[in-house]
């Protein structure tokens, strides 16, 4: 397990490019029970896939996967990342990720949440974030929220696409 578990990690202007997780989660970065602070970081062309020879709907967080974590992201970009759930970012297991002035562009999810996928009890807070041209072949082109109550303030959803909920899909 190569997850970030440092509770006080701080990253400024870092680039995560062309990374791949081949065991389900976090193509660019995997945060487990940690609360890193990232400012001005870019997650580009990252992906996660099921183990070789397996088809599985559990791959989450092409750019970043947060499990029981509450990262604080400011002015970060997630572009051209891919996963089955949460092409850009996936949040699960608890925690409250806070994203401010972040951009999600051209991310792809084959099942849910082209830009971001959040599964309760996690609940993201998004301030002035932009979701543009993200794609989900199923639900939530920009965002897909399941059993959660995200808080969005002054966010923009433009030209995202999905079978249901082009901009955002909320369930239960």
C-alpha atoms as a PDB file:
ATOM      1  CA  UNK A   1       0.000   0.000   0.000  1.00  0.00           C
ATOM      2  CA  UNK A   2       1.619   3.250  -1.165  1.00  0.00           C
ATOM      3  CA  UNK A   3      -0.963   5.607   0.295  1.00  0.00           C
ATOM      4  CA  UNK A   4      -0.096   8.984   1.782  1.00  0.00           C
ATOM      5  CA  UNK A   5      -0.654   8.646   5.526  1.00  0.00           C
ATOM      6  CA  UNK A   6       1.312  11.677   6.729  1.00  0.00           C
ATOM      7  CA  UNK A   7      -1.090  13.903   8.681  1.00  0.00           C
ATOM      8  CA  UNK A   8       0.942  17.086   8.043  1.00  0.00           C
ATOM      9  CA  UNK A   9       2.071  16.771   4.413  1.00  0.00           C
ATOM     10  CA  UNK A  10       2.246  20.090   2.514  1.00  0.00           C
ATOM     11  CA  UNK A  11       2.752  20.253  -1.255  1.00  0.00           C
ATOM     12  CA  UNK A  12       3.181  23.478  -3.240  1.00  0.00           C
ATOM     13  CA  UNK A  13       3.302  23.692  -7.043  1.00  0.00           C
ATOM     14  CA  UNK A  14       3.874  19.952  -7.523  1.00  0.00           C
ATOM     15  CA  UNK A  15       3.075  18.095 -10.751  1.00  0.00           C
ATOM     16  CA  UNK A  16       1.631  14.574 -10.931  1.00  0.00           C
ATOM     17  CA  UNK A  17       1.751  13.508 -14.595  1.00  0.00           C
ATOM     18  CA  UNK A  18       1.359  10.207 -16.466  1.00  0.00           C
ATOM     19  CA  UNK A  19       1.062   8.054 -13.347  1.00  0.00           C
ATOM     20  CA  UNK A  20      -0.984   4.869 -13.176  1.00  0.00           C
ATOM     21  CA  UNK A  21      -2.265   2.814 -10.251  1.00  0.00           C
ATOM     22  CA  UNK A  22      -2.848  -0.743 -11.345  1.00  0.00           C
ATOM     23  CA  UNK A  23      -4.490  -1.953  -8.172  1.00  0.00           C
ATOM     24  CA  UNK A  24      -7.697   0.064  -8.052  1.00  0.00           C
ATOM     25  CA  UNK A  25      -7.198   3.561  -6.535  1.00  0.00           C
ATOM     26  CA  UNK A  26      -5.350   6.859  -6.839  1.00  0.00           C
ATOM     27  CA  UNK A  27      -3.516   7.126 -10.140  1.00  0.00           C
ATOM     28  CA  UNK A  28      -1.756  10.340  -9.127  1.00  0.00           C
ATOM     29  CA  UNK A  29      -2.110  10.362  -5.334  1.00  0.00           C
ATOM     30  CA  UNK A  30      -3.762   8.163  -2.699  1.00  0.00           C
ATOM     31  CA  UNK A  31      -4.532   9.749   0.693  1.00  0.00           C
ATOM     32  CA  UNK A  32      -5.490   7.370   3.482  1.00  0.00           C
ATOM     33  CA  UNK A  33      -6.491   8.748   6.885  1.00  0.00           C
ATOM     34  CA  UNK A  34      -4.482  11.893   6.206  1.00  0.00           C
ATOM     35  CA  UNK A  35      -5.133  15.591   5.686  1.00  0.00           C
ATOM     36  CA  UNK A  36      -2.537  16.974   3.280  1.00  0.00           C
ATOM     37  CA  UNK A  37      -2.519  20.610   2.141  1.00  0.00           C
ATOM     38  CA  UNK A  38      -1.895  21.131  -1.577  1.00  0.00           C
ATOM     39  CA  UNK A  39      -1.558  24.511  -3.296  1.00  0.00           C
ATOM     40  CA  UNK A  40      -1.068  25.058  -7.016  1.00  0.00           C
ATOM     41  CA  UNK A  41      -0.621  21.360  -7.793  1.00  0.00           C
ATOM     42  CA  UNK A  42      -1.457  19.753 -11.145  1.00  0.00           C
ATOM     43  CA  UNK A  43      -2.760  16.237 -11.738  1.00  0.00           C
ATOM     44  CA  UNK A  44      -2.574  15.488 -15.467  1.00  0.00           C
ATOM     45  CA  UNK A  45      -2.910  12.271 -17.516  1.00  0.00           C
ATOM     46  CA  UNK A  46      -3.117   9.983 -14.470  1.00  0.00           C
ATOM     47  CA  UNK A  47      -5.242   6.839 -14.383  1.00  0.00           C
ATOM     48  CA  UNK A  48      -6.159   3.832 -12.325  1.00  0.00           C
ATOM     49  CA  UNK A  49      -7.148   0.436 -13.613  1.00  0.00           C
ATOM     50  CA  UNK A  50      -8.160  -2.941 -12.298  1.00  0.00           C
ATOM     51  CA  UNK A  51      -5.420  -5.559 -11.982  1.00  0.00           C
ATOM     52  CA  UNK A  52      -4.379  -7.056 -15.305  1.00  0.00           C
ATOM     53  CA  UNK A  53      -6.985  -9.380 -16.744  1.00  0.00           C
ATOM     54  CA  UNK A  54      -9.753  -8.220 -14.405  1.00  0.00           C
ATOM     55  CA  UNK A  55     -12.762  -6.051 -15.094  1.00  0.00           C
ATOM     56  CA  UNK A  56     -13.827  -4.255 -11.943  1.00  0.00           C
ATOM     57  CA  UNK A  57     -15.957  -1.215 -11.086  1.00  0.00           C
ATOM     58  CA  UNK A  58     -13.863  -0.357  -8.038  1.00  0.00           C
ATOM     59  CA  UNK A  59     -11.163   1.764  -9.718  1.00  0.00           C
ATOM     60  CA  UNK A  60     -11.493   5.252  -8.239  1.00  0.00           C
ATOM     61  CA  UNK A  61      -9.653   8.544  -8.386  1.00  0.00           C
ATOM     62  CA  UNK A  62      -7.632   8.797 -11.571  1.00  0.00           C
ATOM     63  CA  UNK A  63      -5.973  11.974 -10.288  1.00  0.00           C
ATOM     64  CA  UNK A  64      -6.497  11.609  -6.524  1.00  0.00           C
ATOM     65  CA  UNK A  65      -8.204   9.152  -4.193  1.00  0.00           C
ATOM     66  CA  UNK A  66      -9.141  10.219  -0.644  1.00  0.00           C
ATOM     67  CA  UNK A  67     -10.101   7.539   1.875  1.00  0.00           C
ATOM     68  CA  UNK A  68     -11.043   8.735   5.374  1.00  0.00           C
ATOM     69  CA  UNK A  69      -9.153  11.923   4.530  1.00  0.00           C
ATOM     70  CA  UNK A  70      -9.773  15.664   4.588  1.00  0.00           C
ATOM     71  CA  UNK A  71      -7.239  17.211   2.237  1.00  0.00           C
ATOM     72  CA  UNK A  72      -7.254  20.967   1.710  1.00  0.00           C
ATOM     73  CA  UNK A  73      -6.669  21.788  -1.968  1.00  0.00           C
ATOM     74  CA  UNK A  74      -6.241  25.347  -3.258  1.00  0.00           C
ATOM     75  CA  UNK A  75      -5.804  26.328  -6.917  1.00  0.00           C
ATOM     76  CA  UNK A  76      -5.179  22.736  -8.018  1.00  0.00           C
ATOM     77  CA  UNK A  77      -5.901  21.427 -11.517  1.00  0.00           C
ATOM     78  CA  UNK A  78      -7.204  17.987 -12.482  1.00  0.00           C
ATOM     79  CA  UNK A  79      -7.033  17.470 -16.250  1.00  0.00           C
ATOM     80  CA  UNK A  80      -7.186  14.434 -18.551  1.00  0.00           C
ATOM     81  CA  UNK A  81      -7.304  11.866 -15.731  1.00  0.00           C
ATOM     82  CA  UNK A  82      -9.366   8.671 -15.894  1.00  0.00           C
ATOM     83  CA  UNK A  83     -10.920   5.988 -13.680  1.00  0.00           C
ATOM     84  CA  UNK A  84     -14.162   4.071 -13.462  1.00  0.00           C
ATOM     85  CA  UNK A  85     -15.405   6.353 -10.647  1.00  0.00           C
ATOM     86  CA  UNK A  86     -14.021   9.856 -10.159  1.00  0.00           C
ATOM     87  CA  UNK A  87     -11.877  10.523 -13.202  1.00  0.00           C
ATOM     88  CA  UNK A  88     -10.324  13.529 -11.452  1.00  0.00           C
ATOM     89  CA  UNK A  89     -10.949  12.899  -7.725  1.00  0.00           C
ATOM     90  CA  UNK A  90     -12.745  10.261  -5.653  1.00  0.00           C
ATOM     91  CA  UNK A  91     -13.702  10.680  -1.970  1.00  0.00           C
ATOM     92  CA  UNK A  92     -14.916   7.839   0.225  1.00  0.00           C
ATOM     93  CA  UNK A  93     -14.960   6.377   3.714  1.00  0.00           C
ATOM     94  CA  UNK A  94     -15.364   9.618   5.642  1.00  0.00           C
ATOM     95  CA  UNK A  95     -13.577  12.918   5.786  1.00  0.00           C
ATOM     96  CA  UNK A  96     -14.363  16.318   4.334  1.00  0.00           C
ATOM     97  CA  UNK A  97     -12.100  17.297   1.450  1.00  0.00           C
ATOM     98  CA  UNK A  98     -12.077  21.078   0.917  1.00  0.00           C
ATOM     99  CA  UNK A  99     -11.331  22.371  -2.567  1.00  0.00           C
ATOM    100  CA  UNK A 100     -10.977  26.079  -3.343  1.00  0.00           C
ATOM    101  CA  UNK A 101     -10.412  27.566  -6.809  1.00  0.00           C
ATOM    102  CA  UNK A 102      -9.755  24.114  -8.287  1.00  0.00           C
ATOM    103  CA  UNK A 103     -10.275  23.213 -11.947  1.00  0.00           C
ATOM    104  CA  UNK A 104     -11.566  19.904 -13.321  1.00  0.00           C
ATOM    105  CA  UNK A 105     -11.205  19.631 -17.082  1.00  0.00           C
ATOM    106  CA  UNK A 106     -11.393  16.762 -19.597  1.00  0.00           C
ATOM    107  CA  UNK A 107     -11.465  13.994 -16.975  1.00  0.00           C
ATOM    108  CA  UNK A 108     -13.231  10.731 -17.827  1.00  0.00           C
ATOM    109  CA  UNK A 109     -15.069   8.157 -15.709  1.00  0.00           C
ATOM    110  CA  UNK A 110     -16.426   5.025 -17.295  1.00  0.00           C
ATOM    111  CA  UNK A 111     -19.085   4.677 -14.560  1.00  0.00           C
ATOM    112  CA  UNK A 112     -19.614   7.779 -12.412  1.00  0.00           C
ATOM    113  CA  UNK A 113     -18.256  11.250 -11.757  1.00  0.00           C
ATOM    114  CA  UNK A 114     -16.115  12.371 -14.667  1.00  0.00           C
ATOM    115  CA  UNK A 115     -14.663  15.215 -12.590  1.00  0.00           C
ATOM    116  CA  UNK A 116     -15.372  14.045  -9.038  1.00  0.00           C
ATOM    117  CA  UNK A 117     -17.056  11.106  -7.296  1.00  0.00           C
ATOM    118  CA  UNK A 118     -18.018  11.376  -3.608  1.00  0.00           C
ATOM    119  CA  UNK A 119     -19.503   8.504  -1.625  1.00  0.00           C
ATOM    120  CA  UNK A 120     -20.825   9.134   1.894  1.00  0.00           C
ATOM    121  CA  UNK A 121     -20.058   9.495   4.639  1.00  0.00           C
ATOM    122  CA  UNK A 122     -17.431  11.682   2.929  1.00  0.00           C
ATOM    123  CA  UNK A 123     -18.773  15.115   2.075  1.00  0.00           C
ATOM    124  CA  UNK A 124     -16.759  17.565  -0.020  1.00  0.00           C
ATOM    125  CA  UNK A 125     -16.765  21.355   0.299  1.00  0.00           C
ATOM    126  CA  UNK A 126     -16.162  23.137  -3.018  1.00  0.00           C
ATOM    127  CA  UNK A 127     -15.499  26.884  -3.214  1.00  0.00           C
ATOM    128  CA  UNK A 128     -15.337  28.562  -6.639  1.00  0.00           C
ATOM    129  CA  UNK A 129     -14.394  25.364  -8.463  1.00  0.00           C
ATOM    130  CA  UNK A 130     -14.839  24.907 -12.216  1.00  0.00           C
ATOM    131  CA  UNK A 131     -15.947  21.694 -13.965  1.00  0.00           C
ATOM    132  CA  UNK A 132     -15.501  21.830 -17.748  1.00  0.00           C
ATOM    133  CA  UNK A 133     -15.794  19.108 -20.422  1.00  0.00           C
ATOM    134  CA  UNK A 134     -15.655  16.156 -18.012  1.00  0.00           C
ATOM    135  CA  UNK A 135     -17.303  12.944 -19.192  1.00  0.00           C
ATOM    136  CA  UNK A 136     -19.010  10.017 -17.510  1.00  0.00           C
ATOM    137  CA  UNK A 137     -20.438   7.299 -19.723  1.00  0.00           C
ATOM    138  CA  UNK A 138     -23.066   6.728 -17.031  1.00  0.00           C
ATOM    139  CA  UNK A 139     -23.867   9.305 -14.304  1.00  0.00           C
ATOM    140  CA  UNK A 140     -22.513  12.711 -13.285  1.00  0.00           C
ATOM    141  CA  UNK A 141     -20.320  14.204 -15.985  1.00  0.00           C
ATOM    142  CA  UNK A 142     -19.014  16.903 -13.628  1.00  0.00           C
ATOM    143  CA  UNK A 143     -19.822  15.358 -10.204  1.00  0.00           C
ATOM    144  CA  UNK A 144     -21.532  12.249  -8.878  1.00  0.00           C
ATOM    145  CA  UNK A 145     -22.610  12.290  -5.215  1.00  0.00           C
ATOM    146  CA  UNK A 146     -23.901   9.192  -3.391  1.00  0.00           C
ATOM    147  CA  UNK A 147     -25.235   9.267   0.198  1.00  0.00           C
ATOM    148  CA  UNK A 148     -23.536  12.619   0.823  1.00  0.00           C
ATOM    149  CA  UNK A 149     -24.398  16.284   1.217  1.00  0.00           C
ATOM    150  CA  UNK A 150     -21.678  18.262  -0.537  1.00  0.00           C
ATOM    151  CA  UNK A 151     -21.463  22.013  -0.091  1.00  0.00           C
ATOM    152  CA  UNK A 152     -20.837  23.999  -3.265  1.00  0.00           C
ATOM    153  CA  UNK A 153     -20.243  27.754  -3.288  1.00  0.00           C
ATOM    154  CA  UNK A 154     -19.951  29.723  -6.562  1.00  0.00           C
ATOM    155  CA  UNK A 155     -18.971  26.670  -8.631  1.00  0.00           C
ATOM    156  CA  UNK A 156     -19.348  26.502 -12.425  1.00  0.00           C
ATOM    157  CA  UNK A 157     -20.344  23.491 -14.531  1.00  0.00           C
ATOM    158  CA  UNK A 158     -19.853  23.920 -18.288  1.00  0.00           C
ATOM    159  CA  UNK A 159     -19.987  21.417 -21.183  1.00  0.00           C
ATOM    160  CA  UNK A 160     -19.830  18.257 -19.044  1.00  0.00           C
ATOM    161  CA  UNK A 161     -21.621  15.161 -20.315  1.00  0.00           C
ATOM    162  CA  UNK A 162     -23.134  11.933 -18.996  1.00  0.00           C
ATOM    163  CA  UNK A 163     -26.061   9.610 -19.646  1.00  0.00           C
ATOM    164  CA  UNK A 164     -27.744  11.162 -16.579  1.00  0.00           C
ATOM    165  CA  UNK A 165     -26.778  14.384 -14.801  1.00  0.00           C
ATOM    166  CA  UNK A 166     -24.438  16.000 -17.311  1.00  0.00           C
ATOM    167  CA  UNK A 167     -23.268  18.576 -14.770  1.00  0.00           C
ATOM    168  CA  UNK A 168     -24.096  16.769 -11.525  1.00  0.00           C
ATOM    169  CA  UNK A 169     -25.842  13.579 -10.418  1.00  0.00           C
ATOM    170  CA  UNK A 170     -27.019  13.189  -6.793  1.00  0.00           C
ATOM    171  CA  UNK A 171     -28.348   9.940  -5.394  1.00  0.00           C
ATOM    172  CA  UNK A 172     -30.071   9.362  -2.027  1.00  0.00           C
END
